[in-house]
N, C-alpha and C. Protein backbone atom coordinates (compact mmCIF):
# COMPACT_ATOMS: atom_id res chain seq x y z
N MET A 1 183.98 120.03 178.09
CA MET A 1 184.48 120.25 176.76
C MET A 1 185.22 119.02 176.24
N LEU A 2 186.01 118.38 177.09
CA LEU A 2 186.73 117.20 176.65
C LEU A 2 185.78 116.06 176.29
N ARG A 3 184.76 115.88 177.09
CA ARG A 3 183.80 114.81 176.79
C ARG A 3 183.04 115.10 175.50
N LYS A 4 182.69 116.34 175.30
CA LYS A 4 181.95 116.73 174.10
C LYS A 4 182.79 116.47 172.84
N ASN A 5 184.09 116.67 172.93
CA ASN A 5 184.99 116.50 171.78
C ASN A 5 185.84 115.24 171.90
N ARG A 6 185.35 114.25 172.59
CA ARG A 6 186.11 113.03 172.84
C ARG A 6 186.68 112.38 171.58
N PRO A 7 185.96 112.33 170.45
CA PRO A 7 186.53 111.68 169.26
C PRO A 7 187.83 112.32 168.77
N ALA A 8 188.09 113.54 169.16
CA ALA A 8 189.30 114.22 168.70
C ALA A 8 190.55 113.77 169.44
N PHE A 9 190.38 113.06 170.56
CA PHE A 9 191.51 112.71 171.40
C PHE A 9 191.80 111.22 171.35
N ALA A 10 193.07 110.90 171.47
CA ALA A 10 193.48 109.50 171.53
C ALA A 10 193.15 108.95 172.91
N ILE A 11 192.66 107.70 172.91
CA ILE A 11 192.40 107.02 174.18
C ILE A 11 193.04 105.65 174.10
N GLY A 12 193.08 104.93 175.20
CA GLY A 12 193.75 103.64 175.25
C GLY A 12 193.34 102.66 174.17
N GLU A 13 192.05 102.49 173.97
CA GLU A 13 191.58 101.51 172.97
C GLU A 13 191.76 102.02 171.54
N GLU A 14 191.77 103.32 171.37
CA GLU A 14 191.91 103.93 170.06
C GLU A 14 193.05 104.94 170.12
N PRO A 15 194.26 104.50 169.76
CA PRO A 15 195.43 105.35 169.95
C PRO A 15 195.52 106.58 169.05
N LEU A 16 194.64 106.73 168.07
CA LEU A 16 194.65 107.92 167.23
C LEU A 16 193.34 108.67 167.40
N GLY A 17 193.42 109.98 167.54
CA GLY A 17 192.20 110.78 167.54
C GLY A 17 191.62 110.77 166.14
N ASN A 18 190.33 111.02 166.01
CA ASN A 18 189.70 110.94 164.70
C ASN A 18 188.74 112.11 164.53
N ILE A 19 189.10 113.03 163.66
CA ILE A 19 188.24 114.17 163.36
C ILE A 19 187.87 114.07 161.89
N ARG A 20 186.59 113.99 161.61
CA ARG A 20 186.13 113.87 160.22
C ARG A 20 185.66 115.23 159.73
N GLY A 21 185.75 115.42 158.42
CA GLY A 21 185.24 116.64 157.82
C GLY A 21 186.25 117.77 157.77
N HIS A 22 187.47 117.51 158.16
CA HIS A 22 188.52 118.53 158.11
C HIS A 22 189.72 117.94 157.39
N ASP A 23 190.22 118.64 156.41
CA ASP A 23 191.40 118.19 155.68
C ASP A 23 192.56 119.11 156.00
N ILE A 24 193.75 118.55 155.95
CA ILE A 24 194.95 119.36 156.09
C ILE A 24 195.85 119.09 154.90
N GLU A 25 196.66 120.03 154.56
CA GLU A 25 197.63 119.84 153.50
C GLU A 25 199.01 119.78 154.12
N LEU A 26 199.77 118.77 153.71
CA LEU A 26 201.14 118.62 154.19
C LEU A 26 202.07 119.02 153.06
N TYR A 27 203.05 119.80 153.39
CA TYR A 27 204.02 120.24 152.39
C TYR A 27 205.40 119.70 152.75
N LEU A 28 206.05 119.13 151.76
CA LEU A 28 207.41 118.65 151.97
C LEU A 28 208.39 119.80 151.81
N ASP A 29 209.40 119.79 152.63
CA ASP A 29 210.43 120.82 152.48
C ASP A 29 211.63 120.28 151.71
N VAL A 30 211.40 119.20 150.97
CA VAL A 30 212.43 118.59 150.14
C VAL A 30 211.98 118.70 148.69
N GLU A 31 212.85 119.18 147.84
CA GLU A 31 212.51 119.36 146.43
C GLU A 31 212.74 118.07 145.64
N ARG A 32 212.02 117.92 144.53
CA ARG A 32 212.26 116.82 143.60
C ARG A 32 213.58 117.03 142.89
N PRO A 33 214.29 116.04 142.47
CA PRO A 33 214.03 114.62 142.76
C PRO A 33 214.32 114.32 144.23
N TYR A 34 213.45 113.51 144.81
CA TYR A 34 213.59 113.20 146.22
C TYR A 34 214.84 112.35 146.46
N PRO A 35 215.50 112.53 147.58
CA PRO A 35 216.71 111.76 147.86
C PRO A 35 216.39 110.27 148.01
N PRO A 36 217.36 109.41 147.76
CA PRO A 36 217.13 107.96 147.83
C PRO A 36 216.56 107.48 149.16
N ILE A 37 216.88 108.14 150.25
CA ILE A 37 216.35 107.71 151.55
C ILE A 37 214.82 107.79 151.59
N LEU A 38 214.22 108.64 150.77
CA LEU A 38 212.76 108.76 150.71
C LEU A 38 212.15 107.87 149.63
N ARG A 39 212.98 107.16 148.88
CA ARG A 39 212.47 106.31 147.80
C ARG A 39 213.02 104.89 147.93
N ARG A 40 212.94 104.33 149.10
CA ARG A 40 213.51 103.01 149.33
C ARG A 40 212.60 101.92 148.78
N PRO A 41 213.18 100.92 148.13
CA PRO A 41 212.37 99.78 147.68
C PRO A 41 212.05 98.87 148.87
N PRO A 42 211.06 98.00 148.71
CA PRO A 42 210.75 97.04 149.78
C PRO A 42 211.97 96.17 150.07
N TYR A 43 212.10 95.73 151.29
CA TYR A 43 213.21 94.86 151.66
C TYR A 43 212.66 93.69 152.47
N PRO A 44 213.36 92.56 152.45
CA PRO A 44 212.85 91.37 153.13
C PRO A 44 212.88 91.51 154.65
N VAL A 45 211.89 90.91 155.29
CA VAL A 45 211.83 90.85 156.75
C VAL A 45 211.45 89.43 157.14
N SER A 46 211.67 89.09 158.39
CA SER A 46 211.32 87.76 158.87
C SER A 46 209.80 87.59 158.88
N LEU A 47 209.36 86.35 158.92
CA LEU A 47 207.92 86.05 158.96
C LEU A 47 207.28 86.66 160.21
N GLU A 48 207.96 86.57 161.33
CA GLU A 48 207.45 87.15 162.58
C GLU A 48 207.28 88.66 162.46
N THR A 49 208.28 89.32 161.89
CA THR A 49 208.21 90.77 161.71
C THR A 49 207.11 91.13 160.72
N ARG A 50 206.99 90.35 159.65
CA ARG A 50 205.95 90.61 158.64
C ARG A 50 204.55 90.55 159.26
N LYS A 51 204.32 89.55 160.11
CA LYS A 51 203.02 89.42 160.77
C LYS A 51 202.74 90.63 161.65
N GLU A 52 203.76 91.10 162.36
CA GLU A 52 203.59 92.27 163.23
C GLU A 52 203.31 93.52 162.40
N ILE A 53 204.02 93.67 161.29
CA ILE A 53 203.79 94.81 160.39
C ILE A 53 202.36 94.79 159.86
N GLU A 54 201.90 93.62 159.40
CA GLU A 54 200.54 93.49 158.87
C GLU A 54 199.50 93.83 159.94
N LYS A 55 199.75 93.41 161.17
CA LYS A 55 198.83 93.71 162.28
C LYS A 55 198.69 95.23 162.45
N HIS A 56 199.82 95.92 162.48
CA HIS A 56 199.79 97.37 162.68
C HIS A 56 199.21 98.10 161.47
N ILE A 57 199.50 97.61 160.28
CA ILE A 57 198.93 98.21 159.07
C ILE A 57 197.41 98.08 159.10
N ASN A 58 196.92 96.91 159.47
CA ASN A 58 195.47 96.71 159.54
C ASN A 58 194.83 97.61 160.59
N GLU A 59 195.50 97.81 161.73
CA GLU A 59 194.98 98.72 162.75
C GLU A 59 194.88 100.14 162.21
N LEU A 60 195.93 100.59 161.51
CA LEU A 60 195.92 101.94 160.94
C LEU A 60 194.86 102.08 159.86
N LEU A 61 194.66 101.04 159.04
CA LEU A 61 193.60 101.06 158.03
C LEU A 61 192.23 101.16 158.70
N ASP A 62 192.01 100.38 159.75
CA ASP A 62 190.72 100.39 160.46
C ASP A 62 190.43 101.75 161.09
N MET A 63 191.48 102.46 161.51
CA MET A 63 191.30 103.78 162.14
C MET A 63 191.35 104.91 161.13
N ASP A 64 191.43 104.57 159.84
CA ASP A 64 191.56 105.57 158.77
C ASP A 64 192.80 106.43 158.93
N GLY A 65 193.84 105.86 159.54
CA GLY A 65 195.10 106.57 159.69
C GLY A 65 195.93 106.53 158.42
N ILE A 66 195.71 105.49 157.62
CA ILE A 66 196.36 105.35 156.32
C ILE A 66 195.32 104.82 155.34
N ARG A 67 195.65 104.84 154.07
CA ARG A 67 194.74 104.27 153.07
C ARG A 67 195.54 103.40 152.11
N LYS A 68 194.84 102.45 151.51
CA LYS A 68 195.47 101.61 150.50
C LYS A 68 195.61 102.41 149.22
N ILE A 69 196.63 102.08 148.45
CA ILE A 69 196.80 102.73 147.15
C ILE A 69 196.61 101.70 146.06
N GLY A 70 196.21 102.17 144.89
CA GLY A 70 196.03 101.28 143.75
C GLY A 70 197.37 100.80 143.22
N HIS A 71 197.36 99.65 142.55
CA HIS A 71 198.63 99.11 142.05
C HIS A 71 199.24 99.99 140.96
N ASN A 72 198.45 100.84 140.34
CA ASN A 72 198.98 101.76 139.32
C ASN A 72 199.23 103.16 139.86
N GLU A 73 198.92 103.39 141.12
CA GLU A 73 199.10 104.71 141.70
C GLU A 73 200.58 104.97 141.96
N ILE A 74 201.03 106.14 141.55
CA ILE A 74 202.44 106.49 141.71
C ILE A 74 202.66 107.04 143.11
N VAL A 75 203.63 106.46 143.80
CA VAL A 75 204.00 106.91 145.14
C VAL A 75 205.46 107.33 145.07
N GLU A 76 205.70 108.61 145.28
CA GLU A 76 207.06 109.11 145.15
C GLU A 76 207.86 108.99 146.44
N ILE A 77 207.19 108.89 147.55
CA ILE A 77 207.89 108.81 148.83
C ILE A 77 207.34 107.64 149.62
N THR A 78 208.22 106.84 150.16
CA THR A 78 207.84 105.75 151.04
C THR A 78 208.51 105.97 152.39
N THR A 79 208.01 105.31 153.40
CA THR A 79 208.63 105.43 154.71
C THR A 79 208.98 104.04 155.22
N PRO A 80 210.11 103.91 155.86
CA PRO A 80 210.48 102.60 156.40
C PRO A 80 209.61 102.25 157.61
N VAL A 81 209.52 100.98 157.88
CA VAL A 81 208.79 100.50 159.05
C VAL A 81 209.81 100.16 160.12
N LEU A 82 209.59 100.67 161.31
CA LEU A 82 210.49 100.38 162.43
C LEU A 82 209.75 99.54 163.45
N ILE A 83 210.31 98.39 163.79
CA ILE A 83 209.76 97.53 164.83
C ILE A 83 210.70 97.63 166.02
N THR A 84 210.17 98.11 167.14
CA THR A 84 211.04 98.26 168.33
C THR A 84 210.54 97.41 169.46
């Protein structure tokens, strides 16, 4: 069963499982207007950190874990990036 459904599971080379054809809806338990912690503007980071962030963003884009948004698309909630 695991081998048959292998794409659904994370493995070393591909840290995110990938199931296509199924959508989920996420609901926030925070009402509008969203608190400032969820609406943070971009902040400066070092060149080294920026390169690492771009590397991880590209990996997530390649795995369809995230998607790019249009420059006119409204995004009400952003999430900070943590480098550990």
